[in-house]
Amino acid sequence: MKITSAEFIISNSDASKCPNEPLPEYAFIGRSNVGKSSLINMLTNHKNLAKTSGKPGKTQLINHFKINQNWFLVDLPGYGYARVSKKTKEVFQQFITDYFETRQQLVCAFVLIDIRLEAQKIDLEFINYLGEAGVPFCIIFTKADKIGKVKAQQNVAAYKKKVLANGWEEMPQHFITSSSDGTGKEELLVFIDQINSDFRKETF
């Protein structure tokens, strides 16, 4: 799939006010500073579609972007950023969970993980939440260019071990990516394109 158009549609903090079009959507979420905005910009061939910032916690709303006029990319707030107030964080978490639990158009969530780090408790808790809520998701390992290929594979293997020890029967489908050199871009877009095709067949 080639992305030829990417248009910002709406930002809000209320899942019930998200676009009401019967188009499949894909939500991108992860801990703050995981490289989410850079990955979105890389996938869509836009330098500034999603706002990148050295300051964690930049995304604080549900942001909808219409891609190729036939699917939505959803940029969600990062979770686990310690410098937002507890009250604010509770509000973020509530509308994030409202989105995941009520959004019928959602066909897949992409949980972003920094490939350089050991498995973080908050990430494991979040994928457990998605599993318990019955939300389809994949894992995207980011920043693969920051470490060698062998080390990247070792870190993914270690993550898989942690996931399986955490009660999962198998490792969720995952992708290894780099926003700097485009690693994983084609694989992700092919994956999305296949789901879109299946969605259209079921719809029509």
C-alpha atoms as a PDB file:
ATOM      1  CA  MET A   1       0.000   0.000   0.000  1.00  0.00           C
ATOM      2  CA  LYS A   2       1.187   3.477  -0.856  1.00  0.00           C
ATOM      3  CA  ILE A   3      -0.074   6.343   1.274  1.00  0.00           C
ATOM      4  CA  THR A   4      -1.056   9.174  -1.046  1.00  0.00           C
ATOM      5  CA  SER A   5      -3.051  11.352   1.352  1.00  0.00           C
ATOM      6  CA  ALA A   6      -3.106  11.935   5.090  1.00  0.00           C
ATOM      7  CA  GLU A   7      -5.512  14.502   6.512  1.00  0.00           C
ATOM      8  CA  PHE A   8      -5.995  15.627  10.102  1.00  0.00           C
ATOM      9  CA  ILE A   9      -9.706  15.343  10.973  1.00  0.00           C
ATOM     10  CA  ILE A  10     -10.308  15.995  14.693  1.00  0.00           C
ATOM     11  CA  SER A  11      -8.827  16.018  18.193  1.00  0.00           C
ATOM     12  CA  ASN A  12     -10.925  15.390  21.259  1.00  0.00           C
ATOM     13  CA  SER A  13     -11.019  13.736  24.657  1.00  0.00           C
ATOM     14  CA  ASP A  14     -14.389  12.047  24.269  1.00  0.00           C
ATOM     15  CA  ALA A  15     -14.612   8.715  22.442  1.00  0.00           C
ATOM     16  CA  SER A  16     -18.269   9.348  21.632  1.00  0.00           C
ATOM     17  CA  LYS A  17     -17.253  12.379  19.542  1.00  0.00           C
ATOM     18  CA  CYS A  18     -14.829  10.485  17.311  1.00  0.00           C
ATOM     19  CA  PRO A  19     -15.660  10.357  13.562  1.00  0.00           C
ATOM     20  CA  ASN A  20     -18.800   8.357  12.837  1.00  0.00           C
ATOM     21  CA  GLU A  21     -17.698   6.991   9.461  1.00  0.00           C
ATOM     22  CA  PRO A  22     -17.709   3.225   8.795  1.00  0.00           C
ATOM     23  CA  LEU A  23     -13.983   3.114   8.129  1.00  0.00           C
ATOM     24  CA  PRO A  24     -11.447   0.818   9.815  1.00  0.00           C
ATOM     25  CA  GLU A  25      -9.103   2.525  12.250  1.00  0.00           C
ATOM     26  CA  TYR A  26      -5.765   1.735  13.808  1.00  0.00           C
ATOM     27  CA  ALA A  27      -4.738   3.201  17.155  1.00  0.00           C
ATOM     28  CA  PHE A  28      -1.102   3.926  17.998  1.00  0.00           C
ATOM     29  CA  ILE A  29      -0.224   4.063  21.681  1.00  0.00           C
ATOM     30  CA  GLY A  30       2.784   3.588  23.950  1.00  0.00           C
ATOM     31  CA  ARG A  31       4.753   5.062  26.795  1.00  0.00           C
ATOM     32  CA  SER A  32       5.673   8.695  26.332  1.00  0.00           C
ATOM     33  CA  ASN A  33       8.821   9.315  24.302  1.00  0.00           C
ATOM     34  CA  VAL A  34       8.673   5.896  22.625  1.00  0.00           C
ATOM     35  CA  GLY A  35       8.904   7.496  19.170  1.00  0.00           C
ATOM     36  CA  LYS A  36       5.210   7.362  18.281  1.00  0.00           C
ATOM     37  CA  SER A  37       4.979  10.639  16.400  1.00  0.00           C
ATOM     38  CA  SER A  38       8.151   9.897  14.423  1.00  0.00           C
ATOM     39  CA  LEU A  39       6.798   6.466  13.463  1.00  0.00           C
ATOM     40  CA  ILE A  40       3.464   7.932  12.323  1.00  0.00           C
ATOM     41  CA  ASN A  41       5.255  10.559  10.235  1.00  0.00           C
ATOM     42  CA  MET A  42       7.482   7.874   8.692  1.00  0.00           C
ATOM     43  CA  LEU A  43       4.532   5.636   7.809  1.00  0.00           C
ATOM     44  CA  THR A  44       2.540   8.462   6.225  1.00  0.00           C
ATOM     45  CA  ASN A  45       5.464  10.163   4.434  1.00  0.00           C
ATOM     46  CA  HIS A  46       4.771  13.403   6.315  1.00  0.00           C
ATOM     47  CA  LYS A  47       7.361  15.298   8.305  1.00  0.00           C
ATOM     48  CA  ASN A  48       4.879  16.946  10.651  1.00  0.00           C
ATOM     49  CA  LEU A  49       1.591  15.046  10.508  1.00  0.00           C
ATOM     50  CA  ALA A  50       2.013  14.036  14.139  1.00  0.00           C
ATOM     51  CA  LYS A  51       3.772  16.569  16.339  1.00  0.00           C
ATOM     52  CA  THR A  52       7.159  15.377  17.547  1.00  0.00           C
ATOM     53  CA  SER A  53       8.661  16.800  20.704  1.00  0.00           C
ATOM     54  CA  GLY A  54      11.597  16.230  22.999  1.00  0.00           C
ATOM     55  CA  LYS A  55       9.154  16.766  25.845  1.00  0.00           C
ATOM     56  CA  PRO A  56       7.274  13.562  26.760  1.00  0.00           C
ATOM     57  CA  GLY A  57       3.505  13.718  26.993  1.00  0.00           C
ATOM     58  CA  LYS A  58       3.014  16.002  23.983  1.00  0.00           C
ATOM     59  CA  THR A  59      -0.015  14.091  22.676  1.00  0.00           C
ATOM     60  CA  GLN A  60      -2.861  14.596  25.135  1.00  0.00           C
ATOM     61  CA  LEU A  61      -5.936  14.018  22.974  1.00  0.00           C
ATOM     62  CA  ILE A  62      -7.398  11.395  20.634  1.00  0.00           C
ATOM     63  CA  ASN A  63      -6.184  12.539  17.210  1.00  0.00           C
ATOM     64  CA  HIS A  64      -7.818  11.172  14.054  1.00  0.00           C
ATOM     65  CA  PHE A  65      -6.088  11.267  10.667  1.00  0.00           C
ATOM     66  CA  LYS A  66      -7.838  10.013   7.526  1.00  0.00           C
ATOM     67  CA  ILE A  67      -5.467   8.037   5.313  1.00  0.00           C
ATOM     68  CA  ASN A  68      -6.076   7.566   1.564  1.00  0.00           C
ATOM     69  CA  GLN A  69      -9.703   8.522   2.252  1.00  0.00           C
ATOM     70  CA  ASN A  70     -10.441   4.939   3.359  1.00  0.00           C
ATOM     71  CA  TRP A  71      -9.022   4.339   6.854  1.00  0.00           C
ATOM     72  CA  PHE A  72      -8.179   6.205  10.038  1.00  0.00           C
ATOM     73  CA  LEU A  73      -4.894   6.395  11.876  1.00  0.00           C
ATOM     74  CA  VAL A  74      -5.490   7.330  15.525  1.00  0.00           C
ATOM     75  CA  ASP A  75      -2.741   8.931  17.583  1.00  0.00           C
ATOM     76  CA  LEU A  76      -3.449   8.337  21.283  1.00  0.00           C
ATOM     77  CA  PRO A  77      -1.806   9.906  24.363  1.00  0.00           C
ATOM     78  CA  GLY A  78       1.178   8.156  25.862  1.00  0.00           C
ATOM     79  CA  TYR A  79       0.635   6.348  29.127  1.00  0.00           C
ATOM     80  CA  GLY A  80       2.793   6.374  32.221  1.00  0.00           C
ATOM     81  CA  TYR A  81       4.224   9.880  31.965  1.00  0.00           C
ATOM     82  CA  ALA A  82       5.041  10.827  35.538  1.00  0.00           C
ATOM     83  CA  ARG A  83       5.126  14.615  35.186  1.00  0.00           C
ATOM     84  CA  VAL A  84       1.450  15.139  34.406  1.00  0.00           C
ATOM     85  CA  SER A  85      -0.640  15.546  37.519  1.00  0.00           C
ATOM     86  CA  LYS A  86      -2.299  12.481  38.998  1.00  0.00           C
ATOM     87  CA  LYS A  87      -5.724  13.977  38.333  1.00  0.00           C
ATOM     88  CA  THR A  88      -4.851  14.689  34.698  1.00  0.00           C
ATOM     89  CA  LYS A  89      -3.401  11.232  34.227  1.00  0.00           C
ATOM     90  CA  GLU A  90      -6.599   9.675  35.546  1.00  0.00           C
ATOM     91  CA  VAL A  91      -8.593  11.668  32.987  1.00  0.00           C
ATOM     92  CA  PHE A  92      -6.249  10.537  30.195  1.00  0.00           C
ATOM     93  CA  GLN A  93      -6.544   6.922  31.242  1.00  0.00           C
ATOM     94  CA  GLN A  94     -10.323   7.126  31.438  1.00  0.00           C
ATOM     95  CA  PHE A  95     -10.835   8.454  27.936  1.00  0.00           C
ATOM     96  CA  ILE A  96      -8.231   6.060  26.582  1.00  0.00           C
ATOM     97  CA  THR A  97     -10.044   3.094  28.105  1.00  0.00           C
ATOM     98  CA  ASP A  98     -13.392   4.521  26.963  1.00  0.00           C
ATOM     99  CA  TYR A  99     -11.989   4.653  23.438  1.00  0.00           C
ATOM    100  CA  PHE A 100     -10.745   1.052  23.485  1.00  0.00           C
ATOM    101  CA  GLU A 101     -13.894  -0.333  25.063  1.00  0.00           C
ATOM    102  CA  THR A 102     -16.491   1.503  22.964  1.00  0.00           C
ATOM    103  CA  ARG A 103     -14.914   2.197  19.565  1.00  0.00           C
ATOM    104  CA  GLN A 104     -16.510  -0.215  17.117  1.00  0.00           C
ATOM    105  CA  GLN A 105     -14.439   0.971  14.134  1.00  0.00           C
ATOM    106  CA  LEU A 106     -11.177  -0.005  15.839  1.00  0.00           C
ATOM    107  CA  VAL A 107      -9.681  -3.019  14.063  1.00  0.00           C
ATOM    108  CA  CYS A 108      -6.205  -3.031  15.609  1.00  0.00           C
ATOM    109  CA  ALA A 109      -4.199  -1.248  18.282  1.00  0.00           C
ATOM    110  CA  PHE A 110      -0.455  -0.906  17.853  1.00  0.00           C
ATOM    111  CA  VAL A 111       1.401  -0.854  21.168  1.00  0.00           C
ATOM    112  CA  LEU A 112       4.791   0.793  20.744  1.00  0.00           C
ATOM    113  CA  ILE A 113       7.778  -0.506  22.713  1.00  0.00           C
ATOM    114  CA  ASP A 114      11.319   0.933  22.758  1.00  0.00           C
ATOM    115  CA  ILE A 115      13.394  -2.018  21.576  1.00  0.00           C
ATOM    116  CA  ARG A 116      16.427  -0.851  23.552  1.00  0.00           C
ATOM    117  CA  LEU A 117      14.777  -1.347  26.937  1.00  0.00           C
ATOM    118  CA  GLU A 118      13.983  -4.368  29.031  1.00  0.00           C
ATOM    119  CA  ALA A 119      10.290  -5.209  29.336  1.00  0.00           C
ATOM    120  CA  GLN A 120       8.633  -2.453  31.356  1.00  0.00           C
ATOM    121  CA  LYS A 121       5.941  -3.309  33.891  1.00  0.00           C
ATOM    122  CA  ILE A 122       3.560  -0.656  32.574  1.00  0.00           C
ATOM    123  CA  ASP A 123       3.810  -2.010  29.010  1.00  0.00           C
ATOM    124  CA  LEU A 124       3.103  -5.556  30.173  1.00  0.00           C
ATOM    125  CA  GLU A 125       0.148  -4.298  32.211  1.00  0.00           C
ATOM    126  CA  PHE A 126      -1.207  -2.433  29.208  1.00  0.00           C
ATOM    127  CA  ILE A 127      -1.057  -5.384  26.807  1.00  0.00           C
ATOM    128  CA  ASN A 128      -2.685  -7.512  29.511  1.00  0.00           C
ATOM    129  CA  TYR A 129      -5.472  -4.927  29.702  1.00  0.00           C
ATOM    130  CA  LEU A 130      -5.971  -5.073  25.916  1.00  0.00           C
ATOM    131  CA  GLY A 131      -6.046  -8.862  26.020  1.00  0.00           C
ATOM    132  CA  GLU A 132      -8.588  -8.920  28.837  1.00  0.00           C
ATOM    133  CA  ALA A 133     -10.717  -6.301  27.064  1.00  0.00           C
ATOM    134  CA  GLY A 134     -10.652  -8.328  23.843  1.00  0.00           C
ATOM    135  CA  VAL A 135      -8.979  -5.556  21.833  1.00  0.00           C
ATOM    136  CA  PRO A 136      -7.003  -6.855  18.800  1.00  0.00           C
ATOM    137  CA  PHE A 137      -3.455  -5.534  18.959  1.00  0.00           C
ATOM    138  CA  CYS A 138       0.106  -5.928  17.720  1.00  0.00           C
ATOM    139  CA  ILE A 139       3.394  -4.786  19.214  1.00  0.00           C
ATOM    140  CA  ILE A 140       5.657  -2.387  17.331  1.00  0.00           C
ATOM    141  CA  PHE A 141       9.245  -2.278  18.542  1.00  0.00           C
ATOM    142  CA  THR A 142      10.678   1.174  17.788  1.00  0.00           C
ATOM    143  CA  LYS A 143      14.162   2.703  17.454  1.00  0.00           C
ATOM    144  CA  ALA A 144      15.758  -0.430  15.967  1.00  0.00           C
ATOM    145  CA  ASP A 145      18.432   1.730  14.338  1.00  0.00           C
ATOM    146  CA  LYS A 146      19.789   2.568  17.796  1.00  0.00           C
ATOM    147  CA  ILE A 147      21.058  -0.999  18.327  1.00  0.00           C
ATOM    148  CA  GLY A 148      22.453  -3.714  16.078  1.00  0.00           C
ATOM    149  CA  LYS A 149      20.288  -6.371  14.421  1.00  0.00           C
ATOM    150  CA  VAL A 150      21.607  -9.154  16.644  1.00  0.00           C
ATOM    151  CA  LYS A 151      20.957  -7.140  19.805  1.00  0.00           C
ATOM    152  CA  ALA A 152      17.491  -6.224  18.516  1.00  0.00           C
ATOM    153  CA  GLN A 153      16.606  -9.888  18.034  1.00  0.00           C
ATOM    154  CA  GLN A 154      17.979 -10.728  21.474  1.00  0.00           C
ATOM    155  CA  ASN A 155      15.885  -8.005  23.079  1.00  0.00           C
ATOM    156  CA  VAL A 156      12.738  -9.161  21.285  1.00  0.00           C
ATOM    157  CA  ALA A 157      13.427 -12.734  22.420  1.00  0.00           C
ATOM    158  CA  ALA A 158      13.843 -11.515  26.006  1.00  0.00           C
ATOM    159  CA  TYR A 159      10.589  -9.570  25.710  1.00  0.00           C
ATOM    160  CA  LYS A 160       8.817 -12.642  24.377  1.00  0.00           C
ATOM    161  CA  LYS A 161      10.057 -14.623  27.373  1.00  0.00           C
ATOM    162  CA  LYS A 162       8.629 -11.992  29.729  1.00  0.00           C
ATOM    163  CA  VAL A 163       5.279 -11.936  27.885  1.00  0.00           C
ATOM    164  CA  LEU A 164       4.948 -15.718  28.030  1.00  0.00           C
ATOM    165  CA  ALA A 165       5.871 -15.683  31.718  1.00  0.00           C
ATOM    166  CA  ASN A 166       3.139 -13.103  32.180  1.00  0.00           C
ATOM    167  CA  GLY A 167       0.420 -15.563  31.200  1.00  0.00           C
ATOM    168  CA  TRP A 168       0.297 -15.333  27.401  1.00  0.00           C
ATOM    169  CA  GLU A 169       0.253 -18.563  25.386  1.00  0.00           C
ATOM    170  CA  GLU A 170       2.197 -16.977  22.547  1.00  0.00           C
ATOM    171  CA  MET A 171       3.910 -13.726  21.686  1.00  0.00           C
ATOM    172  CA  PRO A 172       1.508 -11.264  20.032  1.00  0.00           C
ATOM    173  CA  GLN A 173       2.284 -10.437  16.418  1.00  0.00           C
ATOM    174  CA  HIS A 174       5.053  -7.870  16.339  1.00  0.00           C
ATOM    175  CA  PHE A 175       7.050  -5.635  14.028  1.00  0.00           C
ATOM    176  CA  ILE A 176      10.553  -4.198  14.348  1.00  0.00           C
ATOM    177  CA  THR A 177      10.774  -0.628  13.098  1.00  0.00           C
ATOM    178  CA  SER A 178      12.972   2.423  12.781  1.00  0.00           C
ATOM    179  CA  SER A 179      11.651   5.866  11.920  1.00  0.00           C
ATOM    180  CA  SER A 180      15.160   6.920  10.892  1.00  0.00           C
ATOM    181  CA  ASP A 181      15.827   4.328   8.194  1.00  0.00           C
ATOM    182  CA  GLY A 182      12.330   3.058   7.391  1.00  0.00           C
ATOM    183  CA  THR A 183      12.791  -0.421   8.819  1.00  0.00           C
ATOM    184  CA  GLY A 184       9.439  -2.199   9.123  1.00  0.00           C
ATOM    185  CA  LYS A 185       7.463   0.383   7.130  1.00  0.00           C
ATOM    186  CA  GLU A 186       6.571  -1.920   4.240  1.00  0.00           C
ATOM    187  CA  GLU A 187       5.629  -4.813   6.537  1.00  0.00           C
ATOM    188  CA  LEU A 188       3.319  -2.599   8.607  1.00  0.00           C
ATOM    189  CA  LEU A 189       1.587  -1.094   5.584  1.00  0.00           C
ATOM    190  CA  VAL A 190       1.074  -4.532   4.003  1.00  0.00           C
ATOM    191  CA  PHE A 191      -0.441  -5.733   7.298  1.00  0.00           C
ATOM    192  CA  ILE A 192      -2.810  -2.748   7.441  1.00  0.00           C
ATOM    193  CA  ASP A 193      -3.735  -3.134   3.778  1.00  0.00           C
ATOM    194  CA  GLN A 194      -4.675  -6.787   4.302  1.00  0.00           C
ATOM    195  CA  ILE A 195      -6.925  -5.965   7.264  1.00  0.00           C
ATOM    196  CA  ASN A 196      -8.531  -3.166   5.230  1.00  0.00           C
ATOM    197  CA  SER A 197      -9.272  -5.635   2.425  1.00  0.00           C
ATOM    198  CA  ASP A 198     -10.854  -8.073   4.876  1.00  0.00           C
ATOM    199  CA  PHE A 199     -12.844  -5.221   6.454  1.00  0.00           C
ATOM    200  CA  ARG A 200     -14.268  -4.182   3.087  1.00  0.00           C
ATOM    201  CA  LYS A 201     -15.246  -7.769   2.257  1.00  0.00           C
ATOM    202  CA  GLU A 202     -17.094  -8.098   5.566  1.00  0.00           C
ATOM    203  CA  THR A 203     -18.751  -4.688   5.167  1.00  0.00           C
ATOM    204  CA  PHE A 204     -19.917  -5.164   1.615  1.00  0.00           C
END
